[in-house]
Amino acid sequence: MKKPVMVGIAIVAVILGIMVYSMMSLTSNRVEVCIQFKGTTTCKIASGATQEDAVRTATGNACGELAGGVTDTMACLRSEPTKLNVLK
């Protein structure tokens, strides 16, 4: 193969390696959050770069399932989780 092709392949391999490494580090914090809203409870698991990010994502996912409309979603997001487990 020609030198420019080999350099191009090497650059693509390095970029893919960086992307995989970045994605692996984002999942270092996993949590399970249970939310009760209007008499219904649901639990969701999420990952994030920090524990706070993971809790925010899991809460948003749970509220997306429980709430109907923007007003309900905002109220649900402000509610405290009924259960919070940090997963390994």
PDB file of N, CA and C in Angstrom:
ATOM      1  N   MET A   1       0.837  -1.177   0.000  1.00  0.00           N
ATOM      2  CA  MET A   1       0.000   0.000   0.000  1.00  0.00           C
ATOM      3  C   MET A   1       0.884   1.243   0.000  1.00  0.00           C
ATOM      4  N   LYS A   2       0.289   2.296  -0.494  1.00  0.00           N
ATOM      5  CA  LYS A   2       1.012   3.563  -0.536  1.00  0.00           C
ATOM      6  C   LYS A   2       1.014   4.217   0.841  1.00  0.00           C
ATOM      7  N   LYS A   3       2.022   5.049   1.057  1.00  0.00           N
ATOM      8  CA  LYS A   3       2.206   5.705   2.339  1.00  0.00           C
ATOM      9  C   LYS A   3       1.006   6.561   2.758  1.00  0.00           C
ATOM     10  N   PRO A   4       0.389   7.372   1.856  1.00  0.00           N
ATOM     11  CA  PRO A   4      -0.774   8.171   2.280  1.00  0.00           C
ATOM     12  C   PRO A   4      -1.954   7.317   2.743  1.00  0.00           C
ATOM     13  N   VAL A   5      -2.132   6.154   2.133  1.00  0.00           N
ATOM     14  CA  VAL A   5      -3.216   5.265   2.544  1.00  0.00           C
ATOM     15  C   VAL A   5      -2.940   4.726   3.942  1.00  0.00           C
ATOM     16  N   MET A   6      -1.725   4.338   4.213  1.00  0.00           N
ATOM     17  CA  MET A   6      -1.355   3.819   5.531  1.00  0.00           C
ATOM     18  C   MET A   6      -1.515   4.891   6.611  1.00  0.00           C
ATOM     19  N   VAL A   7      -1.121   6.122   6.300  1.00  0.00           N
ATOM     20  CA  VAL A   7      -1.276   7.226   7.250  1.00  0.00           C
ATOM     21  C   VAL A   7      -2.762   7.470   7.523  1.00  0.00           C
ATOM     22  N   GLY A   8      -3.585   7.432   6.492  1.00  0.00           N
ATOM     23  CA  GLY A   8      -5.029   7.627   6.652  1.00  0.00           C
ATOM     24  C   GLY A   8      -5.648   6.558   7.528  1.00  0.00           C
ATOM     25  N   ILE A   9      -5.241   5.309   7.305  1.00  0.00           N
ATOM     26  CA  ILE A   9      -5.751   4.208   8.125  1.00  0.00           C
ATOM     27  C   ILE A   9      -5.320   4.383   9.574  1.00  0.00           C
ATOM     28  N   ALA A  10      -4.085   4.802   9.800  1.00  0.00           N
ATOM     29  CA  ALA A  10      -3.597   5.017  11.163  1.00  0.00           C
ATOM     30  C   ALA A  10      -4.371   6.128  11.866  1.00  0.00           C
ATOM     31  N   ILE A  11      -4.654   7.195  11.149  1.00  0.00           N
ATOM     32  CA  ILE A  11      -5.400   8.314  11.735  1.00  0.00           C
ATOM     33  C   ILE A  11      -6.810   7.875  12.111  1.00  0.00           C
ATOM     34  N   VAL A  12      -7.474   7.142  11.238  1.00  0.00           N
ATOM     35  CA  VAL A  12      -8.829   6.651  11.523  1.00  0.00           C
ATOM     36  C   VAL A  12      -8.803   5.715  12.734  1.00  0.00           C
ATOM     37  N   ALA A  13      -7.795   4.843  12.819  1.00  0.00           N
ATOM     38  CA  ALA A  13      -7.691   3.925  13.948  1.00  0.00           C
ATOM     39  C   ALA A  13      -7.504   4.685  15.262  1.00  0.00           C
ATOM     40  N   VAL A  14      -6.695   5.727  15.261  1.00  0.00           N
ATOM     41  CA  VAL A  14      -6.482   6.529  16.465  1.00  0.00           C
ATOM     42  C   VAL A  14      -7.777   7.229  16.873  1.00  0.00           C
ATOM     43  N   ILE A  15      -8.482   7.798  15.926  1.00  0.00           N
ATOM     44  CA  ILE A  15      -9.743   8.484  16.226  1.00  0.00           C
ATOM     45  C   ILE A  15     -10.765   7.504  16.789  1.00  0.00           C
ATOM     46  N   LEU A  16     -10.889   6.331  16.203  1.00  0.00           N
ATOM     47  CA  LEU A  16     -11.815   5.320  16.727  1.00  0.00           C
ATOM     48  C   LEU A  16     -11.428   4.883  18.134  1.00  0.00           C
ATOM     49  N   GLY A  17     -10.137   4.735  18.382  1.00  0.00           N
ATOM     50  CA  GLY A  17      -9.678   4.378  19.719  1.00  0.00           C
ATOM     51  C   GLY A  17     -10.034   5.427  20.751  1.00  0.00           C
ATOM     52  N   ILE A  18      -9.871   6.680  20.407  1.00  0.00           N
ATOM     53  CA  ILE A  18     -10.230   7.777  21.318  1.00  0.00           C
ATOM     54  C   ILE A  18     -11.730   7.780  21.588  1.00  0.00           C
ATOM     55  N   MET A  19     -12.525   7.553  20.556  1.00  0.00           N
ATOM     56  CA  MET A  19     -13.987   7.528  20.727  1.00  0.00           C
ATOM     57  C   MET A  19     -14.406   6.391  21.659  1.00  0.00           C
ATOM     58  N   VAL A  20     -13.858   5.208  21.479  1.00  0.00           N
ATOM     59  CA  VAL A  20     -14.202   4.067  22.329  1.00  0.00           C
ATOM     60  C   VAL A  20     -13.782   4.336  23.770  1.00  0.00           C
ATOM     61  N   TYR A  21     -12.599   4.871  23.969  1.00  0.00           N
ATOM     62  CA  TYR A  21     -12.129   5.186  25.309  1.00  0.00           C
ATOM     63  C   TYR A  21     -13.041   6.210  25.984  1.00  0.00           C
ATOM     64  N   SER A  22     -13.471   7.220  25.242  1.00  0.00           N
ATOM     65  CA  SER A  22     -14.366   8.251  25.787  1.00  0.00           C
ATOM     66  C   SER A  22     -15.686   7.647  26.216  1.00  0.00           C
ATOM     67  N   MET A  23     -16.235   6.782  25.389  1.00  0.00           N
ATOM     68  CA  MET A  23     -17.522   6.171  25.715  1.00  0.00           C
ATOM     69  C   MET A  23     -17.418   5.271  26.926  1.00  0.00           C
ATOM     70  N   MET A  24     -16.315   4.586  27.090  1.00  0.00           N
ATOM     71  CA  MET A  24     -16.146   3.701  28.233  1.00  0.00           C
ATOM     72  C   MET A  24     -16.082   4.501  29.528  1.00  0.00           C
ATOM     73  N   SER A  25     -15.463   5.657  29.521  1.00  0.00           N
ATOM     74  CA  SER A  25     -15.342   6.456  30.736  1.00  0.00           C
ATOM     75  C   SER A  25     -16.662   7.117  31.112  1.00  0.00           C
ATOM     76  N   LEU A  26     -17.580   7.302  30.162  1.00  0.00           N
ATOM     77  CA  LEU A  26     -18.878   7.912  30.472  1.00  0.00           C
ATOM     78  C   LEU A  26     -19.777   6.982  31.264  1.00  0.00           C
ATOM     79  N   THR A  27     -19.529   5.701  31.203  1.00  0.00           N
ATOM     80  CA  THR A  27     -20.398   4.754  31.886  1.00  0.00           C
ATOM     81  C   THR A  27     -19.843   4.333  33.239  1.00  0.00           C
ATOM     82  N   SER A  28     -18.935   5.107  33.796  1.00  0.00           N
ATOM     83  CA  SER A  28     -18.318   4.725  35.059  1.00  0.00           C
ATOM     84  C   SER A  28     -19.244   4.914  36.256  1.00  0.00           C
ATOM     85  N   ASN A  29     -20.312   5.667  36.111  1.00  0.00           N
ATOM     86  CA  ASN A  29     -21.267   5.900  37.194  1.00  0.00           C
ATOM     87  C   ASN A  29     -22.647   5.426  36.756  1.00  0.00           C
ATOM     88  N   ARG A  30     -23.132   4.349  37.401  1.00  0.00           N
ATOM     89  CA  ARG A  30     -24.455   3.806  37.084  1.00  0.00           C
ATOM     90  C   ARG A  30     -25.330   3.892  38.321  1.00  0.00           C
ATOM     91  N   VAL A  31     -26.570   4.303  38.136  1.00  0.00           N
ATOM     92  CA  VAL A  31     -27.515   4.397  39.245  1.00  0.00           C
ATOM     93  C   VAL A  31     -28.871   3.853  38.819  1.00  0.00           C
ATOM     94  N   GLU A  32     -29.627   3.438  39.819  1.00  0.00           N
ATOM     95  CA  GLU A  32     -31.033   3.088  39.618  1.00  0.00           C
ATOM     96  C   GLU A  32     -31.844   4.079  40.435  1.00  0.00           C
ATOM     97  N   VAL A  33     -32.785   4.742  39.794  1.00  0.00           N
ATOM     98  CA  VAL A  33     -33.628   5.740  40.445  1.00  0.00           C
ATOM     99  C   VAL A  33     -35.079   5.313  40.308  1.00  0.00           C
ATOM    100  N   CYS A  34     -35.818   5.347  41.420  1.00  0.00           N
ATOM    101  CA  CYS A  34     -37.260   5.095  41.399  1.00  0.00           C
ATOM    102  C   CYS A  34     -37.967   6.399  41.744  1.00  0.00           C
ATOM    103  N   ILE A  35     -38.959   6.741  40.933  1.00  0.00           N
ATOM    104  CA  ILE A  35     -39.730   7.970  41.120  1.00  0.00           C
ATOM    105  C   ILE A  35     -41.199   7.597  41.290  1.00  0.00           C
ATOM    106  N   GLN A  36     -41.856   8.218  42.261  1.00  0.00           N
ATOM    107  CA  GLN A  36     -43.304   8.067  42.416  1.00  0.00           C
ATOM    108  C   GLN A  36     -43.938   9.398  42.042  1.00  0.00           C
ATOM    109  N   PHE A  37     -44.894   9.345  41.119  1.00  0.00           N
ATOM    110  CA  PHE A  37     -45.574  10.562  40.672  1.00  0.00           C
ATOM    111  C   PHE A  37     -47.024  10.229  40.383  1.00  0.00           C
ATOM    112  N   LYS A  38     -47.911  10.959  41.035  1.00  0.00           N
ATOM    113  CA  LYS A  38     -49.355  10.783  40.878  1.00  0.00           C
ATOM    114  C   LYS A  38     -49.781   9.334  41.104  1.00  0.00           C
ATOM    115  N   GLY A  39     -49.212   8.725  42.149  1.00  0.00           N
ATOM    116  CA  GLY A  39     -49.616   7.381  42.546  1.00  0.00           C
ATOM    117  C   GLY A  39     -48.987   6.240  41.760  1.00  0.00           C
ATOM    118  N   THR A  40     -48.133   6.532  40.807  1.00  0.00           N
ATOM    119  CA  THR A  40     -47.468   5.492  40.024  1.00  0.00           C
ATOM    120  C   THR A  40     -45.968   5.590  40.247  1.00  0.00           C
ATOM    121  N   THR A  41     -45.326   4.432  40.346  1.00  0.00           N
ATOM    122  CA  THR A  41     -43.881   4.392  40.556  1.00  0.00           C
ATOM    123  C   THR A  41     -43.213   3.655  39.407  1.00  0.00           C
ATOM    124  N   THR A  42     -42.072   4.167  38.976  1.00  0.00           N
ATOM    125  CA  THR A  42     -41.263   3.476  37.982  1.00  0.00           C
ATOM    126  C   THR A  42     -39.796   3.658  38.337  1.00  0.00           C
ATOM    127  N   CYS A  43     -39.000   2.679  37.962  1.00  0.00           N
ATOM    128  CA  CYS A  43     -37.563   2.717  38.229  1.00  0.00           C
ATOM    129  C   CYS A  43     -36.805   2.652  36.905  1.00  0.00           C
ATOM    130  N   LYS A  44     -35.719   3.410  36.816  1.00  0.00           N
ATOM    131  CA  LYS A  44     -34.890   3.439  35.612  1.00  0.00           C
ATOM    132  C   LYS A  44     -33.425   3.392  36.011  1.00  0.00           C
ATOM    133  N   ILE A  45     -32.620   2.774  35.159  1.00  0.00           N
ATOM    134  CA  ILE A  45     -31.170   2.708  35.344  1.00  0.00           C
ATOM    135  C   ILE A  45     -30.527   3.580  34.274  1.00  0.00           C
ATOM    136  N   ALA A  46     -29.522   4.355  34.685  1.00  0.00           N
ATOM    137  CA  ALA A  46     -28.812   5.215  33.732  1.00  0.00           C
ATOM    138  C   ALA A  46     -27.345   5.320  34.127  1.00  0.00           C
ATOM    139  N   SER A  47     -26.525   5.705  33.155  1.00  0.00           N
ATOM    140  CA  SER A  47     -25.092   5.902  33.360  1.00  0.00           C
ATOM    141  C   SER A  47     -24.739   7.343  33.035  1.00  0.00           C
ATOM    142  N   GLY A  48     -23.649   7.807  33.616  1.00  0.00           N
ATOM    143  CA  GLY A  48     -23.198   9.157  33.321  1.00  0.00           C
ATOM    144  C   GLY A  48     -21.749   9.355  33.717  1.00  0.00           C
ATOM    145  N   ALA A  49     -21.195  10.464  33.294  1.00  0.00           N
ATOM    146  CA  ALA A  49     -19.805  10.785  33.625  1.00  0.00           C
ATOM    147  C   ALA A  49     -19.642  11.008  35.122  1.00  0.00           C
ATOM    148  N   THR A  50     -20.673  11.557  35.765  1.00  0.00           N
ATOM    149  CA  THR A  50     -20.678  11.730  37.215  1.00  0.00           C
ATOM    150  C   THR A  50     -21.949  11.092  37.760  1.00  0.00           C
ATOM    151  N   GLN A  51     -21.982  10.884  39.070  1.00  0.00           N
ATOM    152  CA  GLN A  51     -23.187  10.307  39.668  1.00  0.00           C
ATOM    153  C   GLN A  51     -24.375  11.243  39.505  1.00  0.00           C
ATOM    154  N   GLU A  52     -24.143  12.535  39.595  1.00  0.00           N
ATOM    155  CA  GLU A  52     -25.226  13.507  39.438  1.00  0.00           C
ATOM    156  C   GLU A  52     -25.813  13.441  38.026  1.00  0.00           C
ATOM    157  N   ASP A  53     -24.956  13.301  37.026  1.00  0.00           N
ATOM    158  CA  ASP A  53     -25.435  13.165  35.647  1.00  0.00           C
ATOM    159  C   ASP A  53     -26.270  11.912  35.486  1.00  0.00           C
ATOM    160  N   ALA A  54     -25.820  10.816  36.083  1.00  0.00           N
ATOM    161  CA  ALA A  54     -26.552   9.562  35.987  1.00  0.00           C
ATOM    162  C   ALA A  54     -27.922   9.671  36.665  1.00  0.00           C
ATOM    163  N   VAL A  55     -27.968  10.309  37.839  1.00  0.00           N
ATOM    164  CA  VAL A  55     -29.239  10.490  38.552  1.00  0.00           C
ATOM    165  C   VAL A  55     -30.178  11.367  37.729  1.00  0.00           C
ATOM    166  N   ARG A  56     -29.653  12.447  37.152  1.00  0.00           N
ATOM    167  CA  ARG A  56     -30.471  13.344  36.342  1.00  0.00           C
ATOM    168  C   ARG A  56     -31.048  12.605  35.126  1.00  0.00           C
ATOM    169  N   THR A  57     -30.233  11.785  34.481  1.00  0.00           N
ATOM    170  CA  THR A  57     -30.694  11.046  33.310  1.00  0.00           C
ATOM    171  C   THR A  57     -31.748  10.014  33.692  1.00  0.00           C
ATOM    172  N   ALA A  58     -31.501   9.255  34.754  1.00  0.00           N
ATOM    173  CA  ALA A  58     -32.470   8.243  35.188  1.00  0.00           C
ATOM    174  C   ALA A  58     -33.788   8.891  35.614  1.00  0.00           C
ATOM    175  N   THR A  59     -33.697  10.016  36.314  1.00  0.00           N
ATOM    176  CA  THR A  59     -34.911  10.734  36.726  1.00  0.00           C
ATOM    177  C   THR A  59     -35.683  11.223  35.513  1.00  0.00           C
ATOM    178  N   GLY A  60     -34.986  11.779  34.541  1.00  0.00           N
ATOM    179  CA  GLY A  60     -35.646  12.237  33.318  1.00  0.00           C
ATOM    180  C   GLY A  60     -36.316  11.101  32.566  1.00  0.00           C
ATOM    181  N   ASN A  61     -35.657   9.945  32.510  1.00  0.00           N
ATOM    182  CA  ASN A  61     -36.255   8.787  31.836  1.00  0.00           C
ATOM    183  C   ASN A  61     -37.503   8.296  32.560  1.00  0.00           C
ATOM    184  N   ALA A  62     -37.435   8.257  33.892  1.00  0.00           N
ATOM    185  CA  ALA A  62     -38.593   7.819  34.671  1.00  0.00           C
ATOM    186  C   ALA A  62     -39.745   8.803  34.518  1.00  0.00           C
ATOM    187  N   CYS A  63     -39.453  10.096  34.589  1.00  0.00           N
ATOM    188  CA  CYS A  63     -40.510  11.100  34.456  1.00  0.00           C
ATOM    189  C   CYS A  63     -41.098  11.117  33.051  1.00  0.00           C
ATOM    190  N   GLY A  64     -40.299  10.800  32.064  1.00  0.00           N
ATOM    191  CA  GLY A  64     -40.818  10.717  30.701  1.00  0.00           C
ATOM    192  C   GLY A  64     -41.877   9.644  30.572  1.00  0.00           C
ATOM    193  N   GLU A  65     -41.748   8.586  31.356  1.00  0.00           N
ATOM    194  CA  GLU A  65     -42.732   7.518  31.333  1.00  0.00           C
ATOM    195  C   GLU A  65     -43.960   7.841  32.185  1.00  0.00           C
ATOM    196  N   LEU A  66     -43.748   8.546  33.292  1.00  0.00           N
ATOM    197  CA  LEU A  66     -44.835   8.800  34.243  1.00  0.00           C
ATOM    198  C   LEU A  66     -45.680  10.024  33.919  1.00  0.00           C
ATOM    199  N   ALA A  67     -45.060  11.057  33.401  1.00  0.00           N
ATOM    200  CA  ALA A  67     -45.741  12.346  33.249  1.00  0.00           C
ATOM    201  C   ALA A  67     -46.376  12.464  31.867  1.00  0.00           C
ATOM    202  N   GLY A  68     -47.422  13.260  31.820  1.00  0.00           N
ATOM    203  CA  GLY A  68     -48.083  13.546  30.553  1.00  0.00           C
ATOM    204  C   GLY A  68     -48.116  15.048  30.338  1.00  0.00           C
ATOM    205  N   GLY A  69     -47.262  15.559  29.486  1.00  0.00           N
ATOM    206  CA  GLY A  69     -47.234  16.985  29.213  1.00  0.00           C
ATOM    207  C   GLY A  69     -46.085  17.678  29.920  1.00  0.00           C
ATOM    208  N   VAL A  70     -45.875  18.912  29.508  1.00  0.00           N
ATOM    209  CA  VAL A  70     -44.736  19.683  30.008  1.00  0.00           C
ATOM    210  C   VAL A  70     -44.888  20.006  31.493  1.00  0.00           C
ATOM    211  N   THR A  71     -46.063  20.408  31.919  1.00  0.00           N
ATOM    212  CA  THR A  71     -46.278  20.787  33.316  1.00  0.00           C
ATOM    213  C   THR A  71     -46.049  19.603  34.247  1.00  0.00           C
ATOM    214  N   ASP A  72     -46.609  18.450  33.893  1.00  0.00           N
ATOM    215  CA  ASP A  72     -46.392  17.256  34.701  1.00  0.00           C
ATOM    216  C   ASP A  72     -44.926  16.845  34.710  1.00  0.00           C
ATOM    217  N   THR A  73     -44.270  16.940  33.568  1.00  0.00           N
ATOM    218  CA  THR A  73     -42.858  16.562  33.488  1.00  0.00           C
ATOM    219  C   THR A  73     -42.015  17.433  34.401  1.00  0.00           C
ATOM    220  N   MET A  74     -42.246  18.729  34.385  1.00  0.00           N
ATOM    221  CA  MET A  74     -41.488  19.639  35.251  1.00  0.00           C
ATOM    222  C   MET A  74     -41.744  19.330  36.726  1.00  0.00           C
ATOM    223  N   ALA A  75     -42.990  19.056  37.080  1.00  0.00           N
ATOM    224  CA  ALA A  75     -43.312  18.714  38.469  1.00  0.00           C
ATOM    225  C   ALA A  75     -42.655  17.394  38.867  1.00  0.00           C
ATOM    226  N   CYS A  76     -42.664  16.424  37.978  1.00  0.00           N
ATOM    227  CA  CYS A  76     -42.046  15.129  38.254  1.00  0.00           C
ATOM    228  C   CYS A  76     -40.533  15.270  38.440  1.00  0.00           C
ATOM    229  N   LEU A  77     -39.893  16.056  37.594  1.00  0.00           N
ATOM    230  CA  LEU A  77     -38.447  16.245  37.684  1.00  0.00           C
ATOM    231  C   LEU A  77     -38.031  16.886  39.006  1.00  0.00           C
ATOM    232  N   ARG A  78     -38.912  17.655  39.616  1.00  0.00           N
ATOM    233  CA  ARG A  78     -38.610  18.294  40.899  1.00  0.00           C
ATOM    234  C   ARG A  78     -38.852  17.364  42.088  1.00  0.00           C
ATOM    235  N   SER A  79     -39.512  16.239  41.870  1.00  0.00           N
ATOM    236  CA  SER A  79     -39.806  15.336  42.987  1.00  0.00           C
ATOM    237  C   SER A  79     -38.560  14.546  43.383  1.00  0.00           C
ATOM    238  N   GLU A  80     -38.489  14.190  44.655  1.00  0.00           N
ATOM    239  CA  GLU A  80     -37.364  13.417  45.178  1.00  0.00           C
ATOM    240  C   GLU A  80     -37.543  11.945  44.816  1.00  0.00           C
ATOM    241  N   PRO A  81     -36.456  11.267  44.463  1.00  0.00           N
ATOM    242  CA  PRO A  81     -36.557   9.832  44.192  1.00  0.00           C
ATOM    243  C   PRO A  81     -36.977   9.063  45.449  1.00  0.00           C
ATOM    244  N   THR A  82     -37.818   8.049  45.275  1.00  0.00           N
ATOM    245  CA  THR A  82     -38.195   7.198  46.400  1.00  0.00           C
ATOM    246  C   THR A  82     -37.124   6.162  46.680  1.00  0.00           C
ATOM    247  N   LYS A  83     -36.278   5.905  45.665  1.00  0.00           N
ATOM    248  CA  LYS A  83     -35.201   4.940  45.829  1.00  0.00           C
ATOM    249  C   LYS A  83     -34.041   5.367  44.940  1.00  0.00           C
ATOM    250  N   LEU A  84     -32.823   5.280  45.472  1.00  0.00           N
ATOM    251  CA  LEU A  84     -31.626   5.610  44.708  1.00  0.00           C
ATOM    252  C   LEU A  84     -30.546   4.594  45.047  1.00  0.00           C
ATOM    253  N   ASN A  85     -30.189   3.764  44.068  1.00  0.00           N
ATOM    254  CA  ASN A  85     -29.148   2.759  44.255  1.00  0.00           C
ATOM    255  C   ASN A  85     -27.972   3.091  43.340  1.00  0.00           C
ATOM    256  N   VAL A  86     -26.791   3.094  43.899  1.00  0.00           N
ATOM    257  CA  VAL A  86     -25.575   3.249  43.105  1.00  0.00           C
ATOM    258  C   VAL A  86     -25.129   1.847  42.701  1.00  0.00           C
ATOM    259  N   LEU A  87     -25.040   1.605  41.402  1.00  0.00           N
ATOM    260  CA  LEU A  87     -24.689   0.284  40.885  1.00  0.00           C
ATOM    261  C   LEU A  87     -23.201   0.219  40.553  1.00  0.00           C
ATOM    262  N   LYS A  88     -22.638  -0.923  40.684  1.00  0.00           N
ATOM    263  CA  LYS A  88     -21.217  -1.109  40.361  1.00  0.00           C
ATOM    264  C   LYS A  88     -21.075  -1.676  38.977  1.00  0.00           C
TER     265      LYS A  88
END
